[in-house]
C-alpha atoms as a PDB file:
ATOM      1  CA  MET A   1       0.000   0.000   0.000  1.00  0.00           C
ATOM      2  CA  TYR A   2       2.875   2.374   0.818  1.00  0.00           C
ATOM      3  CA  GLN A   3       4.362   1.895  -2.645  1.00  0.00           C
ATOM      4  CA  GLN A   4       1.031   2.605  -4.332  1.00  0.00           C
ATOM      5  CA  ILE A   5       0.517   5.798  -2.359  1.00  0.00           C
ATOM      6  CA  ILE A   6       4.065   7.013  -3.046  1.00  0.00           C
ATOM      7  CA  GLY A   7       3.552   6.269  -6.752  1.00  0.00           C
ATOM      8  CA  SER A   8       0.369   8.320  -6.787  1.00  0.00           C
ATOM      9  CA  LEU A   9       2.009  11.159  -4.855  1.00  0.00           C
ATOM     10  CA  THR A  10       4.925  11.148  -7.297  1.00  0.00           C
ATOM     11  CA  TYR A  11       2.469  11.680 -10.144  1.00  0.00           C
ATOM     12  CA  VAL A  12       0.693  14.448  -8.238  1.00  0.00           C
ATOM     13  CA  ALA A  13       4.008  16.144  -7.381  1.00  0.00           C
ATOM     14  CA  THR A  14       5.119  15.992 -11.001  1.00  0.00           C
ATOM     15  CA  ALA A  15       1.863  16.952 -12.679  1.00  0.00           C
ATOM     16  CA  THR A  16      -0.037  19.314 -10.418  1.00  0.00           C
ATOM     17  CA  HIS A  17       1.488  19.911  -6.994  1.00  0.00           C
ATOM     18  CA  PRO A  18       5.260  20.548  -7.168  1.00  0.00           C
ATOM     19  CA  GLY A  19       5.306  21.859  -3.600  1.00  0.00           C
ATOM     20  CA  ILE A  20       5.251  18.313  -2.223  1.00  0.00           C
ATOM     21  CA  ALA A  21       8.033  16.983  -4.457  1.00  0.00           C
ATOM     22  CA  ASP A  22      10.793  17.160  -1.834  1.00  0.00           C
ATOM     23  CA  ALA A  23       8.759  15.388   0.823  1.00  0.00           C
ATOM     24  CA  VAL A  24       7.651  12.677  -1.609  1.00  0.00           C
ATOM     25  CA  ASN A  25      11.247  12.229  -2.766  1.00  0.00           C
ATOM     26  CA  ILE A  26      12.459  11.689   0.793  1.00  0.00           C
ATOM     27  CA  LEU A  27       9.660   9.237   1.600  1.00  0.00           C
ATOM     28  CA  SER A  28      10.256   7.311  -1.633  1.00  0.00           C
ATOM     29  CA  LYS A  29      13.693   6.309  -0.342  1.00  0.00           C
ATOM     30  CA  PHE A  30      11.960   3.939   2.073  1.00  0.00           C
ATOM     31  CA  MET A  31       9.929   1.944  -0.462  1.00  0.00           C
ATOM     32  CA  THR A  32      11.321  -1.458   0.480  1.00  0.00           C
ATOM     33  CA  ARG A  33      10.924  -1.212   4.247  1.00  0.00           C
ATOM     34  CA  PRO A  34       8.663   1.669   5.275  1.00  0.00           C
ATOM     35  CA  GLY A  35       8.183   2.166   8.984  1.00  0.00           C
ATOM     36  CA  LYS A  36       5.404   3.713  10.997  1.00  0.00           C
ATOM     37  CA  GLU A  37       7.027   7.148  10.819  1.00  0.00           C
ATOM     38  CA  HIS A  38       7.129   6.968   7.016  1.00  0.00           C
ATOM     39  CA  MET A  39       3.424   6.182   6.809  1.00  0.00           C
ATOM     40  CA  GLU A  40       2.790   9.114   9.156  1.00  0.00           C
ATOM     41  CA  GLY A  41       4.737  11.298   6.712  1.00  0.00           C
ATOM     42  CA  VAL A  42       2.529  10.078   3.876  1.00  0.00           C
ATOM     43  CA  LYS A  43      -0.568  10.893   5.915  1.00  0.00           C
ATOM     44  CA  ARG A  44       0.738  14.409   6.554  1.00  0.00           C
ATOM     45  CA  ILE A  45       1.232  14.974   2.825  1.00  0.00           C
ATOM     46  CA  LEU A  46      -2.291  13.727   2.113  1.00  0.00           C
ATOM     47  CA  GLN A  47      -3.677  16.057   4.804  1.00  0.00           C
ATOM     48  CA  TYR A  48      -1.755  18.944   3.258  1.00  0.00           C
ATOM     49  CA  ILE A  49      -3.200  18.179  -0.170  1.00  0.00           C
ATOM     50  CA  LYS A  50      -6.690  17.943   1.294  1.00  0.00           C
ATOM     51  CA  GLY A  51      -6.248  21.327   3.000  1.00  0.00           C
ATOM     52  CA  THR A  52      -4.987  23.044  -0.153  1.00  0.00           C
ATOM     53  CA  ILE A  53      -7.289  21.380  -2.681  1.00  0.00           C
ATOM     54  CA  ASP A  54      -8.941  24.707  -3.599  1.00  0.00           C
ATOM     55  CA  TYR A  55      -5.659  26.597  -4.093  1.00  0.00           C
ATOM     56  CA  GLY A  56      -4.413  27.392  -7.565  1.00  0.00           C
ATOM     57  CA  LEU A  57      -3.188  29.971 -10.004  1.00  0.00           C
ATOM     58  CA  ILE A  58      -5.584  31.637 -12.408  1.00  0.00           C
ATOM     59  CA  TYR A  59      -4.322  33.548 -15.404  1.00  0.00           C
ATOM     60  CA  ASN A  60      -6.824  35.899 -17.000  1.00  0.00           C
ATOM     61  CA  VAL A  61      -6.325  37.448 -20.387  1.00  0.00           C
ATOM     62  CA  SER A  62      -6.977  41.164 -20.256  1.00  0.00           C
ATOM     63  CA  ASP A  63      -6.247  44.321 -22.204  1.00  0.00           C
ATOM     64  CA  SER A  64      -3.766  45.595 -19.624  1.00  0.00           C
ATOM     65  CA  ASP A  65       0.014  45.481 -19.956  1.00  0.00           C
ATOM     66  CA  TYR A  66       0.719  43.084 -17.100  1.00  0.00           C
ATOM     67  CA  VAL A  67       3.803  40.921 -17.374  1.00  0.00           C
ATOM     68  CA  LEU A  68       4.010  37.584 -15.610  1.00  0.00           C
ATOM     69  CA  ILE A  69       7.348  37.160 -13.810  1.00  0.00           C
ATOM     70  CA  GLY A  70       8.243  34.025 -11.861  1.00  0.00           C
ATOM     71  CA  TYR A  71      10.933  33.468  -9.251  1.00  0.00           C
ATOM     72  CA  SER A  72      12.345  30.295  -7.805  1.00  0.00           C
ATOM     73  CA  ASP A  73      14.574  29.453  -4.874  1.00  0.00           C
ATOM     74  CA  SER A  74      17.229  27.302  -6.514  1.00  0.00           C
ATOM     75  CA  ASP A  75      19.593  26.893  -3.590  1.00  0.00           C
ATOM     76  CA  TRP A  76      20.520  23.292  -4.347  1.00  0.00           C
ATOM     77  CA  THR A  77      23.835  23.775  -2.542  1.00  0.00           C
ATOM     78  CA  GLY A  78      21.979  24.197   0.737  1.00  0.00           C
ATOM     79  CA  ASP A  79      20.251  20.818   0.347  1.00  0.00           C
ATOM     80  CA  ILE A  80      22.177  18.546   2.694  1.00  0.00           C
ATOM     81  CA  GLU A  81      20.036  15.500   1.783  1.00  0.00           C
ATOM     82  CA  THR A  82      21.579  15.084  -1.684  1.00  0.00           C
END
Protein backbone atom coordinates (compact mmCIF):
# COMPACT_ATOMS: atom_id res chain seq x y z
CA MET A 1 0.00 0.00 0.00
CA TYR A 2 2.88 2.37 0.82
CA GLN A 3 4.36 1.89 -2.64
CA GLN A 4 1.03 2.61 -4.33
CA ILE A 5 0.52 5.80 -2.36
CA ILE A 6 4.06 7.01 -3.05
CA GLY A 7 3.55 6.27 -6.75
CA SER A 8 0.37 8.32 -6.79
CA LEU A 9 2.01 11.16 -4.85
CA THR A 10 4.92 11.15 -7.30
CA TYR A 11 2.47 11.68 -10.14
CA VAL A 12 0.69 14.45 -8.24
CA ALA A 13 4.01 16.14 -7.38
CA THR A 14 5.12 15.99 -11.00
CA ALA A 15 1.86 16.95 -12.68
CA THR A 16 -0.04 19.31 -10.42
CA HIS A 17 1.49 19.91 -6.99
CA PRO A 18 5.26 20.55 -7.17
CA GLY A 19 5.31 21.86 -3.60
CA ILE A 20 5.25 18.31 -2.22
CA ALA A 21 8.03 16.98 -4.46
CA ASP A 22 10.79 17.16 -1.83
CA ALA A 23 8.76 15.39 0.82
CA VAL A 24 7.65 12.68 -1.61
CA ASN A 25 11.25 12.23 -2.77
CA ILE A 26 12.46 11.69 0.79
CA LEU A 27 9.66 9.24 1.60
CA SER A 28 10.26 7.31 -1.63
CA LYS A 29 13.69 6.31 -0.34
CA PHE A 30 11.96 3.94 2.07
CA MET A 31 9.93 1.94 -0.46
CA THR A 32 11.32 -1.46 0.48
CA ARG A 33 10.92 -1.21 4.25
CA PRO A 34 8.66 1.67 5.27
CA GLY A 35 8.18 2.17 8.98
CA LYS A 36 5.40 3.71 11.00
CA GLU A 37 7.03 7.15 10.82
CA HIS A 38 7.13 6.97 7.02
CA MET A 39 3.42 6.18 6.81
CA GLU A 40 2.79 9.11 9.16
CA GLY A 41 4.74 11.30 6.71
CA VAL A 42 2.53 10.08 3.88
CA LYS A 43 -0.57 10.89 5.91
CA ARG A 44 0.74 14.41 6.55
CA ILE A 45 1.23 14.97 2.83
CA LEU A 46 -2.29 13.73 2.11
CA GLN A 47 -3.68 16.06 4.80
CA TYR A 48 -1.76 18.94 3.26
CA ILE A 49 -3.20 18.18 -0.17
CA LYS A 50 -6.69 17.94 1.29
CA GLY A 51 -6.25 21.33 3.00
CA THR A 52 -4.99 23.04 -0.15
CA ILE A 53 -7.29 21.38 -2.68
CA ASP A 54 -8.94 24.71 -3.60
CA TYR A 55 -5.66 26.60 -4.09
CA GLY A 56 -4.41 27.39 -7.57
CA LEU A 57 -3.19 29.97 -10.00
CA ILE A 58 -5.58 31.64 -12.41
CA TYR A 59 -4.32 33.55 -15.40
CA ASN A 60 -6.82 35.90 -17.00
CA VAL A 61 -6.32 37.45 -20.39
CA SER A 62 -6.98 41.16 -20.26
CA ASP A 63 -6.25 44.32 -22.20
CA SER A 64 -3.77 45.60 -19.62
CA ASP A 65 0.01 45.48 -19.96
CA TYR A 66 0.72 43.08 -17.10
CA VAL A 67 3.80 40.92 -17.37
CA LEU A 68 4.01 37.58 -15.61
CA ILE A 69 7.35 37.16 -13.81
CA GLY A 70 8.24 34.03 -11.86
CA TYR A 71 10.93 33.47 -9.25
CA SER A 72 12.34 30.30 -7.80
CA ASP A 73 14.57 29.45 -4.87
CA SER A 74 17.23 27.30 -6.51
CA ASP A 75 19.59 26.89 -3.59
CA TRP A 76 20.52 23.29 -4.35
CA THR A 77 23.84 23.77 -2.54
CA GLY A 78 21.98 24.20 0.74
CA ASP A 79 20.25 20.82 0.35
CA ILE A 80 22.18 18.55 2.69
CA GLU A 81 20.04 15.50 1.78
CA THR A 82 21.58 15.08 -1.68
